[in-house]
N, C-alpha and C. Protein backbone atom coordinates (compact mmCIF):
# COMPACT_ATOMS: atom_id res chain seq x y z
N UNK A 1 103.35 24.56 182.64
CA UNK A 1 102.97 25.46 183.70
C UNK A 1 101.49 25.30 184.00
N UNK A 2 101.13 25.59 185.21
CA UNK A 2 99.73 25.53 185.63
C UNK A 2 99.06 26.86 185.29
N UNK A 3 97.87 26.84 184.68
CA UNK A 3 97.18 28.10 184.38
C UNK A 3 97.03 28.95 185.65
N UNK A 4 97.30 30.25 185.49
CA UNK A 4 97.21 31.17 186.61
C UNK A 4 98.50 31.36 187.37
N UNK A 5 99.50 30.54 187.09
CA UNK A 5 100.77 30.63 187.81
C UNK A 5 101.71 31.65 187.17
N UNK A 6 102.81 31.91 187.86
CA UNK A 6 103.87 32.76 187.34
C UNK A 6 104.99 31.88 186.82
N UNK A 7 105.49 32.20 185.64
CA UNK A 7 106.56 31.42 185.00
C UNK A 7 107.78 32.31 184.84
N UNK A 8 108.96 31.75 185.14
CA UNK A 8 110.22 32.46 184.93
C UNK A 8 111.03 31.72 183.88
N UNK A 9 111.47 32.46 182.86
CA UNK A 9 112.31 31.92 181.80
C UNK A 9 113.65 32.65 181.86
N UNK A 10 114.72 31.92 182.10
CA UNK A 10 116.03 32.53 182.25
C UNK A 10 116.77 32.65 180.93
N UNK A 11 117.64 33.66 180.88
CA UNK A 11 118.47 33.87 179.71
C UNK A 11 119.81 34.42 180.19
N UNK A 12 120.87 33.67 179.99
CA UNK A 12 122.19 34.10 180.44
C UNK A 12 122.99 34.60 179.24
N UNK A 13 123.39 35.86 179.30
CA UNK A 13 124.17 36.44 178.21
C UNK A 13 125.22 37.35 178.81
N UNK A 14 126.49 37.09 178.48
CA UNK A 14 127.58 37.91 178.99
C UNK A 14 128.51 38.28 177.84
N UNK A 15 129.25 39.33 178.05
CA UNK A 15 130.22 39.72 177.03
C UNK A 15 130.81 41.08 177.37
N UNK A 16 131.83 41.45 176.63
CA UNK A 16 132.45 42.75 176.79
C UNK A 16 132.65 43.31 175.38
N UNK A 17 131.82 44.24 174.99
CA UNK A 17 130.81 44.96 175.78
C UNK A 17 129.59 44.08 176.09
N UNK A 18 128.88 44.44 177.15
CA UNK A 18 127.70 43.68 177.55
C UNK A 18 126.65 43.71 176.44
N UNK A 19 126.10 42.55 176.11
CA UNK A 19 125.11 42.52 175.03
C UNK A 19 123.76 43.08 175.48
N UNK A 20 122.98 43.55 174.52
CA UNK A 20 121.59 43.92 174.77
C UNK A 20 120.76 42.66 174.62
N UNK A 21 119.88 42.42 175.58
CA UNK A 21 119.07 41.20 175.59
C UNK A 21 117.61 41.57 175.41
N UNK A 22 116.94 40.85 174.52
CA UNK A 22 115.51 41.06 174.29
C UNK A 22 114.81 39.72 174.23
N UNK A 23 113.57 39.71 174.71
CA UNK A 23 112.71 38.54 174.63
C UNK A 23 111.57 38.82 173.65
N UNK A 24 111.14 37.79 172.93
CA UNK A 24 109.92 37.88 172.16
C UNK A 24 109.29 36.50 172.04
N UNK A 25 108.01 36.50 171.75
CA UNK A 25 107.32 35.24 171.50
C UNK A 25 107.41 34.96 170.02
N UNK A 26 107.72 33.71 169.67
CA UNK A 26 107.97 33.37 168.27
C UNK A 26 106.76 33.65 167.37
N UNK A 27 105.56 33.33 167.82
CA UNK A 27 104.36 33.56 167.01
C UNK A 27 103.37 34.36 167.86
N UNK A 28 103.59 35.65 167.96
CA UNK A 28 102.69 36.49 168.74
C UNK A 28 103.47 37.45 169.61
N UNK A 29 102.73 38.14 170.45
CA UNK A 29 103.33 39.14 171.33
C UNK A 29 103.44 38.60 172.74
N UNK A 30 104.37 39.18 173.50
CA UNK A 30 104.43 38.88 174.92
C UNK A 30 103.12 39.37 175.54
N UNK A 31 102.63 38.66 176.57
CA UNK A 31 101.33 39.05 177.14
C UNK A 31 101.35 40.46 177.70
N UNK A 32 100.55 41.33 177.13
CA UNK A 32 100.53 42.74 177.50
C UNK A 32 100.10 42.91 178.94
N UNK A 33 100.92 43.63 179.71
CA UNK A 33 100.59 43.92 181.09
C UNK A 33 100.83 42.76 182.05
N UNK A 34 101.29 41.62 181.54
CA UNK A 34 101.51 40.45 182.40
C UNK A 34 102.92 39.88 182.27
N UNK A 35 103.87 40.73 181.87
CA UNK A 35 105.25 40.25 181.79
C UNK A 35 106.22 41.34 182.22
N UNK A 36 107.41 40.89 182.61
CA UNK A 36 108.51 41.81 182.89
C UNK A 36 109.82 41.07 182.68
N UNK A 37 110.88 41.84 182.45
CA UNK A 37 112.22 41.29 182.31
C UNK A 37 113.09 42.00 183.34
N UNK A 38 113.77 41.20 184.18
CA UNK A 38 114.58 41.81 185.24
C UNK A 38 116.01 42.07 184.76
N UNK A 39 116.84 42.56 185.67
CA UNK A 39 118.21 42.95 185.32
C UNK A 39 119.08 41.76 184.92
N UNK A 40 118.68 40.55 185.34
CA UNK A 40 119.42 39.34 184.96
C UNK A 40 118.85 38.71 183.69
N UNK A 41 117.97 39.43 183.02
CA UNK A 41 117.37 39.01 181.74
C UNK A 41 116.36 37.87 181.90
N UNK A 42 115.84 37.66 183.11
CA UNK A 42 114.81 36.65 183.32
C UNK A 42 113.46 37.22 182.91
N UNK A 43 112.75 36.48 182.08
CA UNK A 43 111.40 36.87 181.66
C UNK A 43 110.41 36.25 182.62
N UNK A 44 109.56 37.07 183.21
CA UNK A 44 108.49 36.58 184.08
C UNK A 44 107.15 36.82 183.40
N UNK A 45 106.37 35.75 183.36
CA UNK A 45 105.01 35.82 182.81
C UNK A 45 104.06 35.56 183.97
N UNK A 46 103.12 36.48 184.19
CA UNK A 46 102.19 36.38 185.31
C UNK A 46 100.83 35.87 184.84
N UNK A 47 100.19 35.09 185.71
CA UNK A 47 98.83 34.58 185.45
C UNK A 47 98.74 33.97 184.05
N UNK A 48 99.60 33.00 183.78
CA UNK A 48 99.66 32.41 182.44
C UNK A 48 98.34 31.73 182.07
N UNK A 49 98.06 31.77 180.78
CA UNK A 49 96.88 31.12 180.22
C UNK A 49 97.33 30.21 179.09
N UNK A 50 96.41 29.42 178.57
CA UNK A 50 96.74 28.54 177.45
C UNK A 50 97.24 29.34 176.25
N UNK A 51 96.77 30.58 176.09
CA UNK A 51 97.22 31.41 174.97
C UNK A 51 98.69 31.80 175.08
N UNK A 52 99.27 31.69 176.28
CA UNK A 52 100.69 32.03 176.46
C UNK A 52 101.62 30.89 176.06
N UNK A 53 101.08 29.71 175.81
CA UNK A 53 101.90 28.57 175.42
C UNK A 53 102.58 28.87 174.09
N UNK A 54 103.79 28.33 173.92
CA UNK A 54 104.49 28.51 172.66
C UNK A 54 105.98 28.70 172.87
N UNK A 55 106.64 29.14 171.82
CA UNK A 55 108.09 29.31 171.82
C UNK A 55 108.44 30.75 172.18
N UNK A 56 109.39 30.89 173.11
CA UNK A 56 109.90 32.21 173.52
C UNK A 56 111.38 32.26 173.17
N UNK A 57 111.80 33.38 172.60
CA UNK A 57 113.17 33.52 172.11
C UNK A 57 113.87 34.64 172.84
N UNK A 58 115.04 34.33 173.37
CA UNK A 58 115.92 35.31 174.00
C UNK A 58 117.04 35.61 173.00
N UNK A 59 117.22 36.88 172.67
CA UNK A 59 118.25 37.29 171.72
C UNK A 59 119.22 38.24 172.39
N UNK A 60 120.51 37.92 172.30
CA UNK A 60 121.57 38.78 172.85
C UNK A 60 122.36 39.33 171.67
N UNK A 61 122.54 40.66 171.67
CA UNK A 61 123.22 41.29 170.54
C UNK A 61 124.24 42.31 171.03
N UNK A 62 125.41 42.28 170.42
CA UNK A 62 126.43 43.30 170.66
C UNK A 62 127.13 43.55 169.33
N UNK A 63 128.11 44.44 169.35
CA UNK A 63 128.83 44.71 168.11
C UNK A 63 129.64 43.51 167.65
N UNK A 64 129.80 42.52 168.52
CA UNK A 64 130.53 41.31 168.14
C UNK A 64 129.66 40.26 167.48
N UNK A 65 128.34 40.44 167.58
CA UNK A 65 127.45 39.46 166.95
C UNK A 65 126.16 39.27 167.72
N UNK A 66 125.41 38.27 167.28
CA UNK A 66 124.10 37.98 167.85
C UNK A 66 124.00 36.50 168.17
N UNK A 67 123.37 36.19 169.31
CA UNK A 67 123.09 34.81 169.68
C UNK A 67 121.65 34.75 170.15
N UNK A 68 120.99 33.62 169.87
CA UNK A 68 119.60 33.46 170.27
C UNK A 68 119.38 32.07 170.83
N UNK A 69 118.45 31.96 171.78
CA UNK A 69 118.06 30.68 172.35
C UNK A 69 116.54 30.65 172.45
N UNK A 70 115.97 29.48 172.22
CA UNK A 70 114.52 29.32 172.24
C UNK A 70 114.13 28.32 173.32
N UNK A 71 113.05 28.64 174.04
CA UNK A 71 112.49 27.71 175.01
C UNK A 71 110.99 27.61 174.74
N UNK A 72 110.41 26.48 175.13
CA UNK A 72 109.00 26.24 174.86
C UNK A 72 108.22 26.19 176.16
N UNK A 73 107.09 26.89 176.19
CA UNK A 73 106.22 26.91 177.35
C UNK A 73 104.95 26.12 177.03
N UNK A 74 104.64 25.17 177.90
CA UNK A 74 103.40 24.40 177.79
C UNK A 74 102.52 24.77 178.97
N UNK A 75 101.30 25.15 178.72
CA UNK A 75 100.37 25.52 179.79
C UNK A 75 99.21 24.54 179.79
């Protein structure tokens, strides 16, 4: 990603019952005040900086189990 740009990271999780989806950064916190997660579980990072680079993990959990996927952001 280009520094200062907005990045969208998608996460598709379906099930019955619908799973709860959460995002976190593998080594650190999501950028405070510069991120949001929409109803489709897409994580948006605004005005990215080099400090935002790293692994981001999407975790979907329901009473049937847990699944996780990791994506890497390079700035």
